[in-house]
């Protein structure tokens, strides 16, 4: 549904594809880690899918929008893809995969883990946008009940050093 809405509101000037991974879609399975493990196992197929799209389509640009746990899947999937091509520099990667904009909206990824993956994500894509909230109940619950502390989608300037903030804001 979301992919269809994006296509509609952007003037039907794109081909939208949804990447769905198997989850139970209830907070309990997410909170006890079952769906987190399923999401982590879906990162490899996401990397495969991006490779497939780049190799078998004429898309000028492949853009990614993810949110909530999709941020975990996407950040790990892009890190996995980057590691597969460790011998290529960022220009070669961008030419090969044509990743344009990668948007992380309210990403429920432990912030430290997300920041560790950020250089790999930047190597692959033209632009990375991280949308953050200062009052997201789901992200607060994730921080409270799941390991990893602050989430990538939460605003908390005290936990980002000046060098990383400059990279994130640029």
N, C-alpha and C. Protein backbone atom coordinates (compact mmCIF):
# COMPACT_ATOMS: atom_id res chain seq x y z
N UNK A 1 0.83 -1.18 0.00
CA UNK A 1 0.00 0.00 0.00
C UNK A 1 0.88 1.25 0.00
N UNK A 2 1.90 1.24 0.86
CA UNK A 2 2.77 2.41 0.96
C UNK A 2 3.48 2.67 -0.37
N UNK A 3 3.95 1.62 -1.02
CA UNK A 3 4.62 1.77 -2.31
C UNK A 3 3.67 2.38 -3.34
N UNK A 4 2.43 1.93 -3.35
CA UNK A 4 1.43 2.50 -4.24
C UNK A 4 1.16 3.96 -3.96
N UNK A 5 1.13 4.34 -2.69
CA UNK A 5 0.91 5.73 -2.33
C UNK A 5 2.07 6.61 -2.78
N UNK A 6 3.29 6.13 -2.58
CA UNK A 6 4.46 6.89 -3.04
C UNK A 6 4.38 7.09 -4.55
N UNK A 7 4.09 6.03 -5.27
CA UNK A 7 3.98 6.11 -6.72
C UNK A 7 2.92 7.14 -7.11
N UNK A 8 1.76 7.10 -6.48
CA UNK A 8 0.68 8.03 -6.79
C UNK A 8 1.08 9.48 -6.51
N UNK A 9 1.58 9.74 -5.32
CA UNK A 9 1.85 11.11 -4.92
C UNK A 9 3.09 11.70 -5.58
N UNK A 10 3.92 10.86 -6.18
CA UNK A 10 5.06 11.36 -6.95
C UNK A 10 4.75 11.42 -8.44
N UNK A 11 3.48 11.39 -8.75
CA UNK A 11 3.06 11.60 -10.12
C UNK A 11 3.18 10.39 -11.03
N UNK A 12 3.27 9.23 -10.45
CA UNK A 12 3.38 7.98 -11.22
C UNK A 12 4.54 8.03 -12.20
N UNK A 13 5.63 8.60 -11.75
CA UNK A 13 6.82 8.75 -12.58
C UNK A 13 7.92 7.79 -12.12
N UNK A 14 7.53 6.69 -11.53
CA UNK A 14 8.49 5.72 -11.04
C UNK A 14 7.86 4.34 -11.05
N UNK A 15 8.70 3.36 -10.90
CA UNK A 15 8.22 1.99 -10.71
C UNK A 15 8.52 1.65 -9.25
N UNK A 16 7.49 1.43 -8.48
CA UNK A 16 7.67 1.12 -7.07
C UNK A 16 7.68 -0.38 -6.85
N UNK A 17 8.60 -0.82 -6.02
CA UNK A 17 8.71 -2.23 -5.68
C UNK A 17 8.83 -2.32 -4.16
N UNK A 18 8.03 -3.17 -3.56
CA UNK A 18 8.11 -3.37 -2.11
C UNK A 18 8.93 -4.62 -1.82
N UNK A 19 9.85 -4.51 -0.89
CA UNK A 19 10.61 -5.67 -0.42
C UNK A 19 10.03 -6.03 0.94
N UNK A 20 9.34 -7.14 0.99
CA UNK A 20 8.72 -7.58 2.24
C UNK A 20 9.53 -8.74 2.81
N UNK A 21 9.72 -8.72 4.09
CA UNK A 21 10.42 -9.79 4.77
C UNK A 21 9.47 -10.40 5.81
N UNK A 22 9.69 -11.66 6.17
CA UNK A 22 8.71 -12.35 7.02
C UNK A 22 8.77 -11.92 8.48
N UNK A 23 7.69 -11.33 8.93
CA UNK A 23 7.55 -10.98 10.34
C UNK A 23 6.13 -11.31 10.78
N UNK A 24 5.95 -11.43 12.08
CA UNK A 24 4.63 -11.75 12.63
C UNK A 24 3.73 -10.53 12.73
N UNK A 25 4.30 -9.35 12.67
CA UNK A 25 3.57 -8.09 12.77
C UNK A 25 2.82 -7.94 14.09
N UNK A 26 3.48 -8.35 15.16
CA UNK A 26 2.96 -7.99 16.47
C UNK A 26 4.14 -7.62 17.36
N UNK A 27 3.90 -6.70 18.24
CA UNK A 27 4.98 -6.11 19.04
C UNK A 27 5.66 -7.12 19.95
N UNK A 28 4.95 -8.14 20.40
CA UNK A 28 5.55 -9.13 21.29
C UNK A 28 6.66 -9.91 20.57
N UNK A 29 6.38 -10.40 19.37
CA UNK A 29 7.41 -11.14 18.63
C UNK A 29 8.60 -10.25 18.28
N UNK A 30 8.34 -8.99 18.07
CA UNK A 30 9.43 -8.06 17.81
C UNK A 30 10.23 -7.83 19.10
N UNK A 31 9.51 -7.59 20.18
CA UNK A 31 10.16 -7.28 21.46
C UNK A 31 11.00 -8.41 22.01
N UNK A 32 10.59 -9.67 21.78
CA UNK A 32 11.39 -10.79 22.31
C UNK A 32 12.45 -11.24 21.30
N UNK A 33 12.49 -10.57 20.16
CA UNK A 33 13.60 -10.80 19.23
C UNK A 33 13.34 -11.73 18.07
N UNK A 34 12.19 -12.38 18.02
CA UNK A 34 11.92 -13.31 16.92
C UNK A 34 11.93 -12.57 15.58
N UNK A 35 11.21 -11.46 15.50
CA UNK A 35 11.14 -10.72 14.25
C UNK A 35 12.44 -9.97 13.95
N UNK A 36 13.19 -9.62 14.97
CA UNK A 36 14.49 -8.99 14.74
C UNK A 36 15.42 -9.99 14.04
N UNK A 37 15.42 -11.23 14.52
CA UNK A 37 16.25 -12.26 13.87
C UNK A 37 15.80 -12.51 12.44
N UNK A 38 14.49 -12.54 12.23
CA UNK A 38 13.98 -12.72 10.86
C UNK A 38 14.41 -11.55 9.97
N UNK A 39 14.34 -10.35 10.51
CA UNK A 39 14.79 -9.18 9.76
C UNK A 39 16.26 -9.26 9.42
N UNK A 40 17.08 -9.66 10.39
CA UNK A 40 18.52 -9.79 10.14
C UNK A 40 18.80 -10.82 9.05
N UNK A 41 18.05 -11.91 9.05
CA UNK A 41 18.24 -12.93 8.00
C UNK A 41 17.76 -12.43 6.63
N UNK A 42 16.97 -11.39 6.61
CA UNK A 42 16.46 -10.84 5.36
C UNK A 42 17.41 -9.84 4.73
N UNK A 43 18.46 -9.46 5.44
CA UNK A 43 19.41 -8.49 4.89
C UNK A 43 20.14 -9.05 3.67
N UNK A 44 20.53 -10.31 3.73
CA UNK A 44 21.22 -10.95 2.59
C UNK A 44 20.31 -10.99 1.35
N UNK A 45 19.05 -11.43 1.47
CA UNK A 45 18.16 -11.38 0.30
C UNK A 45 17.93 -9.95 -0.22
N UNK A 46 17.93 -8.95 0.67
CA UNK A 46 17.80 -7.57 0.20
C UNK A 46 19.01 -7.19 -0.64
N UNK A 47 20.20 -7.54 -0.18
CA UNK A 47 21.41 -7.27 -0.97
C UNK A 47 21.32 -7.97 -2.32
N UNK A 48 20.86 -9.22 -2.33
CA UNK A 48 20.67 -9.96 -3.59
C UNK A 48 19.69 -9.23 -4.51
N UNK A 49 18.60 -8.72 -3.93
CA UNK A 49 17.57 -8.05 -4.71
C UNK A 49 18.11 -6.76 -5.34
N UNK A 50 18.89 -6.01 -4.59
CA UNK A 50 19.48 -4.78 -5.14
C UNK A 50 20.44 -5.13 -6.28
N UNK A 51 21.23 -6.18 -6.09
CA UNK A 51 22.12 -6.63 -7.18
C UNK A 51 21.30 -7.00 -8.41
N UNK A 52 20.20 -7.72 -8.21
CA UNK A 52 19.33 -8.13 -9.32
C UNK A 52 18.78 -6.91 -10.05
N UNK A 53 18.24 -5.95 -9.30
CA UNK A 53 17.67 -4.76 -9.93
C UNK A 53 18.73 -4.00 -10.73
N UNK A 54 19.91 -3.86 -10.18
CA UNK A 54 20.98 -3.14 -10.87
C UNK A 54 21.41 -3.87 -12.14
N UNK A 55 21.44 -5.19 -12.09
CA UNK A 55 21.92 -5.97 -13.24
C UNK A 55 20.85 -6.15 -14.31
N UNK A 56 19.59 -6.16 -13.94
CA UNK A 56 18.54 -6.56 -14.88
C UNK A 56 17.49 -5.49 -15.17
N UNK A 57 17.75 -4.25 -14.77
CA UNK A 57 16.83 -3.17 -15.12
C UNK A 57 17.62 -2.02 -15.71
N UNK A 58 16.91 -1.13 -16.34
CA UNK A 58 17.53 0.08 -16.88
C UNK A 58 17.21 1.29 -16.00
N UNK A 59 16.85 1.03 -14.77
CA UNK A 59 16.51 2.12 -13.85
C UNK A 59 17.66 3.11 -13.77
N UNK A 60 17.34 4.38 -13.93
CA UNK A 60 18.36 5.42 -13.80
C UNK A 60 18.87 5.50 -12.37
N UNK A 61 17.95 5.30 -11.43
CA UNK A 61 18.29 5.42 -10.03
C UNK A 61 17.41 4.46 -9.23
N UNK A 62 18.01 3.80 -8.29
CA UNK A 62 17.29 2.91 -7.38
C UNK A 62 17.27 3.61 -6.02
N UNK A 63 16.10 4.00 -5.59
CA UNK A 63 15.94 4.70 -4.32
C UNK A 63 15.29 3.77 -3.31
N UNK A 64 15.64 3.95 -2.06
CA UNK A 64 15.13 3.08 -1.00
C UNK A 64 14.51 3.94 0.10
N UNK A 65 13.32 3.56 0.51
CA UNK A 65 12.66 4.18 1.66
C UNK A 65 12.39 3.06 2.65
N UNK A 66 12.84 3.23 3.88
CA UNK A 66 12.58 2.22 4.91
C UNK A 66 12.21 2.93 6.21
N UNK A 67 11.57 2.19 7.09
CA UNK A 67 11.19 2.75 8.38
C UNK A 67 11.15 1.63 9.41
N UNK A 68 11.18 2.03 10.65
CA UNK A 68 11.11 1.12 11.78
C UNK A 68 12.13 -0.01 11.63
N UNK A 69 11.70 -1.27 11.77
CA UNK A 69 12.65 -2.37 11.65
C UNK A 69 13.22 -2.46 10.24
N UNK A 70 12.52 -1.92 9.26
CA UNK A 70 13.07 -1.90 7.91
C UNK A 70 14.41 -1.20 7.86
N UNK A 71 14.65 -0.30 8.80
CA UNK A 71 15.96 0.36 8.90
C UNK A 71 17.05 -0.63 9.27
N UNK A 72 16.71 -1.59 10.13
CA UNK A 72 17.68 -2.65 10.48
C UNK A 72 18.01 -3.48 9.25
N UNK A 73 16.96 -3.91 8.56
CA UNK A 73 17.14 -4.76 7.38
C UNK A 73 17.94 -4.02 6.32
N UNK A 74 17.56 -2.78 6.05
CA UNK A 74 18.22 -2.01 4.99
C UNK A 74 19.65 -1.67 5.34
N UNK A 75 19.91 -1.22 6.56
CA UNK A 75 21.28 -0.86 6.91
C UNK A 75 22.20 -2.08 6.87
N UNK A 76 21.72 -3.22 7.37
CA UNK A 76 22.53 -4.44 7.32
C UNK A 76 22.65 -4.95 5.88
N UNK A 77 21.57 -4.86 5.12
CA UNK A 77 21.62 -5.30 3.72
C UNK A 77 22.61 -4.49 2.91
N UNK A 78 22.63 -3.17 3.11
CA UNK A 78 23.56 -2.33 2.37
C UNK A 78 24.99 -2.56 2.84
N UNK A 79 25.19 -2.78 4.13
CA UNK A 79 26.52 -3.12 4.62
C UNK A 79 27.00 -4.43 4.01
N UNK A 80 26.11 -5.41 3.94
CA UNK A 80 26.42 -6.70 3.33
C UNK A 80 26.81 -6.53 1.87
N UNK A 81 26.04 -5.73 1.14
CA UNK A 81 26.32 -5.48 -0.26
C UNK A 81 27.68 -4.81 -0.43
N UNK A 82 27.97 -3.84 0.40
CA UNK A 82 29.26 -3.14 0.34
C UNK A 82 30.41 -4.11 0.58
N UNK A 83 30.25 -4.99 1.54
CA UNK A 83 31.32 -5.93 1.87
C UNK A 83 31.55 -6.95 0.76
N UNK A 84 30.52 -7.26 -0.01
CA UNK A 84 30.69 -8.17 -1.15
C UNK A 84 31.63 -7.58 -2.20
N UNK A 85 31.67 -6.27 -2.26
CA UNK A 85 32.47 -5.58 -3.27
C UNK A 85 33.53 -4.71 -2.60
N UNK A 86 34.22 -5.28 -1.64
CA UNK A 86 35.20 -4.53 -0.86
C UNK A 86 36.32 -3.95 -1.73
N UNK A 87 36.58 -4.55 -2.88
CA UNK A 87 37.65 -4.08 -3.76
C UNK A 87 37.28 -2.88 -4.61
N UNK A 88 36.00 -2.50 -4.63
CA UNK A 88 35.56 -1.36 -5.43
C UNK A 88 35.50 -0.09 -4.59
N UNK A 89 35.87 1.03 -5.20
CA UNK A 89 35.73 2.30 -4.49
C UNK A 89 34.29 2.80 -4.62
N UNK A 90 33.98 3.89 -3.93
CA UNK A 90 32.59 4.35 -3.88
C UNK A 90 32.08 4.77 -5.25
N UNK A 91 32.91 5.36 -6.09
CA UNK A 91 32.45 5.75 -7.43
C UNK A 91 32.06 4.53 -8.25
N UNK A 92 32.85 3.48 -8.20
CA UNK A 92 32.55 2.25 -8.93
C UNK A 92 31.28 1.59 -8.39
N UNK A 93 31.10 1.63 -7.08
CA UNK A 93 29.89 1.06 -6.47
C UNK A 93 28.64 1.82 -6.91
N UNK A 94 28.73 3.13 -6.91
CA UNK A 94 27.57 3.93 -7.32
C UNK A 94 27.24 3.72 -8.79
N UNK A 95 28.26 3.58 -9.63
CA UNK A 95 28.02 3.28 -11.04
C UNK A 95 27.38 1.91 -11.21
N UNK A 96 27.85 0.95 -10.45
CA UNK A 96 27.36 -0.43 -10.58
C UNK A 96 25.91 -0.57 -10.10
N UNK A 97 25.59 0.03 -8.96
CA UNK A 97 24.28 -0.22 -8.34
C UNK A 97 23.27 0.91 -8.55
N UNK A 98 23.74 2.09 -8.91
CA UNK A 98 22.85 3.22 -9.19
C UNK A 98 21.91 3.55 -8.02
N UNK A 99 22.41 3.35 -6.80
CA UNK A 99 21.59 3.72 -5.63
C UNK A 99 21.59 5.23 -5.50
N UNK A 100 20.40 5.80 -5.51
CA UNK A 100 20.26 7.24 -5.38
C UNK A 100 20.07 7.63 -3.94
N UNK A 101 18.84 7.89 -3.58
CA UNK A 101 18.48 8.32 -2.24
C UNK A 101 18.10 7.12 -1.38
N UNK A 102 18.66 7.05 -0.20
CA UNK A 102 18.28 6.04 0.79
C UNK A 102 17.72 6.81 1.98
N UNK A 103 16.45 6.59 2.28
CA UNK A 103 15.78 7.30 3.37
C UNK A 103 15.50 6.33 4.51
N UNK A 104 15.99 6.69 5.69
CA UNK A 104 15.70 5.95 6.92
C UNK A 104 14.75 6.81 7.75
N UNK A 105 13.49 6.40 7.85
CA UNK A 105 12.49 7.15 8.61
C UNK A 105 12.22 6.42 9.92
N UNK A 106 12.48 7.08 11.04
CA UNK A 106 12.25 6.49 12.36
C UNK A 106 12.81 5.09 12.45
N UNK A 107 14.06 4.95 12.01
CA UNK A 107 14.70 3.64 11.95
C UNK A 107 14.95 3.08 13.35
N UNK A 108 14.44 1.88 13.57
CA UNK A 108 14.65 1.21 14.85
C UNK A 108 15.90 0.33 14.75
N UNK A 109 17.03 1.02 14.66
CA UNK A 109 18.34 0.37 14.61
C UNK A 109 19.13 0.95 15.79
N UNK A 110 19.75 0.13 16.60
CA UNK A 110 20.61 0.72 17.62
C UNK A 110 21.57 1.73 16.98
N UNK A 111 21.59 2.93 17.53
CA UNK A 111 22.35 4.01 16.91
C UNK A 111 23.81 3.64 16.66
N UNK A 112 24.47 3.02 17.61
CA UNK A 112 25.88 2.67 17.42
C UNK A 112 26.06 1.74 16.23
N UNK A 113 25.16 0.78 16.09
CA UNK A 113 25.23 -0.16 14.96
C UNK A 113 24.99 0.58 13.65
N UNK A 114 24.02 1.49 13.65
CA UNK A 114 23.73 2.27 12.45
C UNK A 114 24.94 3.10 12.04
N UNK A 115 25.56 3.76 13.00
CA UNK A 115 26.72 4.60 12.70
C UNK A 115 27.88 3.75 12.17
N UNK A 116 28.05 2.53 12.70
CA UNK A 116 29.08 1.62 12.17
C UNK A 116 28.83 1.29 10.70
N UNK A 117 27.58 1.24 10.30
CA UNK A 117 27.21 0.87 8.92
C UNK A 117 27.17 2.07 7.98
N UNK A 118 27.18 3.26 8.53
CA UNK A 118 26.93 4.46 7.74
C UNK A 118 27.96 4.69 6.64
N UNK A 119 29.22 4.45 6.88
CA UNK A 119 30.23 4.64 5.83
C UNK A 119 29.96 3.71 4.64
N UNK A 120 29.59 2.46 4.92
CA UNK A 120 29.26 1.53 3.84
C UNK A 120 28.04 2.00 3.06
N UNK A 121 27.05 2.50 3.77
CA UNK A 121 25.83 3.00 3.12
C UNK A 121 26.16 4.20 2.23
N UNK A 122 26.99 5.11 2.74
CA UNK A 122 27.41 6.27 1.95
C UNK A 122 28.20 5.85 0.72
N UNK A 123 29.04 4.84 0.84
CA UNK A 123 29.82 4.37 -0.31
C UNK A 123 28.93 3.92 -1.46
N UNK A 124 27.77 3.36 -1.14
CA UNK A 124 26.88 2.80 -2.15
C UNK A 124 25.91 3.81 -2.76
N UNK A 125 25.56 4.85 -2.04
CA UNK A 125 24.44 5.70 -2.45
C UNK A 125 24.87 7.14 -2.66
N UNK A 126 24.06 7.84 -3.46
CA UNK A 126 24.32 9.25 -3.72
C UNK A 126 23.99 10.11 -2.51
N UNK A 127 22.95 9.73 -1.79
CA UNK A 127 22.51 10.54 -0.66
C UNK A 127 21.79 9.67 0.37
N UNK A 128 22.04 9.96 1.63
CA UNK A 128 21.38 9.25 2.73
C UNK A 128 20.64 10.30 3.56
N UNK A 129 19.36 10.04 3.82
CA UNK A 129 18.56 10.92 4.65
C UNK A 129 18.05 10.11 5.84
N UNK A 130 18.28 10.65 7.03
CA UNK A 130 17.81 10.01 8.26
C UNK A 130 16.79 10.95 8.89
N UNK A 131 15.55 10.49 8.92
CA UNK A 131 14.48 11.27 9.55
C UNK A 131 14.36 10.82 10.99
N UNK A 132 14.42 11.81 11.89
CA UNK A 132 14.46 11.50 13.31
C UNK A 132 13.28 12.15 14.03
N UNK A 133 12.95 11.58 15.17
CA UNK A 133 11.86 12.09 16.00
C UNK A 133 12.35 12.28 17.42
N UNK A 134 11.82 13.29 18.06
CA UNK A 134 12.15 13.48 19.48
C UNK A 134 11.08 12.88 20.38
N UNK A 135 10.03 12.28 19.77
CA UNK A 135 8.95 11.74 20.59
C UNK A 135 8.25 10.59 19.87
N UNK A 136 8.97 9.50 19.65
CA UNK A 136 8.41 8.33 18.97
C UNK A 136 8.28 7.21 20.00
N UNK A 137 7.05 6.86 20.32
CA UNK A 137 6.79 5.86 21.36
C UNK A 137 7.39 4.51 21.04
N UNK A 138 7.32 4.08 19.78
CA UNK A 138 7.87 2.77 19.41
C UNK A 138 9.38 2.75 19.57
N UNK A 139 10.04 3.84 19.20
CA UNK A 139 11.50 3.88 19.36
C UNK A 139 11.90 3.94 20.84
N UNK A 140 11.11 4.66 21.63
CA UNK A 140 11.38 4.68 23.09
C UNK A 140 11.23 3.29 23.67
N UNK A 141 10.18 2.57 23.24
CA UNK A 141 9.98 1.20 23.74
C UNK A 141 11.14 0.30 23.31
N UNK A 142 11.60 0.46 22.06
CA UNK A 142 12.72 -0.33 21.59
C UNK A 142 13.97 -0.08 22.42
N UNK A 143 14.20 1.17 22.74
CA UNK A 143 15.36 1.51 23.57
C UNK A 143 15.23 0.90 24.96
N UNK A 144 14.01 0.93 25.50
CA UNK A 144 13.78 0.45 26.86
C UNK A 144 13.82 -1.06 26.96
N UNK A 145 13.16 -1.75 26.03
CA UNK A 145 12.98 -3.19 26.17
C UNK A 145 13.94 -4.05 25.35
N UNK A 146 14.64 -3.46 24.43
CA UNK A 146 15.54 -4.25 23.58
C UNK A 146 16.95 -3.71 23.74
N UNK A 147 17.91 -4.56 23.52
CA UNK A 147 19.32 -4.15 23.65
C UNK A 147 19.68 -3.13 22.59
N UNK A 148 20.69 -2.35 22.87
CA UNK A 148 21.22 -1.45 21.86
C UNK A 148 21.10 0.02 22.18
N UNK A 149 20.35 0.38 23.20
CA UNK A 149 20.27 1.78 23.60
C UNK A 149 19.52 2.64 22.60
N UNK A 150 20.01 3.88 22.42
CA UNK A 150 19.35 4.84 21.54
C UNK A 150 19.21 4.30 20.14
N UNK A 151 18.17 4.75 19.45
CA UNK A 151 17.86 4.31 18.09
C UNK A 151 18.28 5.37 17.09
N UNK A 152 18.60 4.93 15.87
CA UNK A 152 19.01 5.85 14.81
C UNK A 152 17.93 6.88 14.54
N UNK A 153 16.67 6.52 14.73
CA UNK A 153 15.57 7.42 14.44
C UNK A 153 15.19 8.35 15.58
N UNK A 154 15.98 8.36 16.66
CA UNK A 154 15.70 9.23 17.82
C UNK A 154 16.67 10.40 17.84
N UNK A 155 16.16 11.57 18.13
CA UNK A 155 17.01 12.74 18.28
C UNK A 155 17.59 12.74 19.68
N UNK A 156 18.90 12.81 19.75
CA UNK A 156 19.60 12.94 21.02
C UNK A 156 21.01 13.40 20.68
N UNK A 157 21.16 14.71 20.51
CA UNK A 157 22.42 15.27 20.03
C UNK A 157 23.61 14.96 20.93
N UNK A 158 23.37 14.67 22.18
CA UNK A 158 24.46 14.42 23.12
C UNK A 158 25.23 13.15 22.80
N UNK A 159 24.65 12.24 22.01
CA UNK A 159 25.29 10.96 21.74
C UNK A 159 25.98 10.87 20.38
N UNK A 160 26.13 12.00 19.67
CA UNK A 160 26.80 11.99 18.38
C UNK A 160 27.96 12.97 18.44
N UNK A 161 29.18 12.48 18.16
CA UNK A 161 30.33 13.37 18.21
C UNK A 161 30.30 14.34 17.01
N UNK A 162 31.09 15.39 17.09
CA UNK A 162 31.06 16.48 16.10
C UNK A 162 31.40 15.98 14.70
N UNK A 163 32.38 15.10 14.58
CA UNK A 163 32.76 14.58 13.26
C UNK A 163 31.62 13.81 12.61
N UNK A 164 30.98 12.93 13.36
CA UNK A 164 29.87 12.14 12.82
C UNK A 164 28.67 13.03 12.53
N UNK A 165 28.42 14.03 13.39
CA UNK A 165 27.31 14.94 13.13
C UNK A 165 27.52 15.67 11.82
N UNK A 166 28.74 16.11 11.54
CA UNK A 166 29.02 16.80 10.28
C UNK A 166 28.75 15.88 9.09
N UNK A 167 29.09 14.61 9.22
CA UNK A 167 28.84 13.65 8.13
C UNK A 167 27.34 13.42 7.96
N UNK A 168 26.63 13.31 9.05
CA UNK A 168 25.19 13.04 8.99
C UNK A 168 24.45 14.24 8.42
N UNK A 169 24.82 15.43 8.83
CA UNK A 169 24.12 16.63 8.41
C UNK A 169 24.46 17.02 6.98
N UNK A 170 25.68 16.71 6.51
CA UNK A 170 26.09 17.13 5.16
C UNK A 170 25.33 16.43 4.08
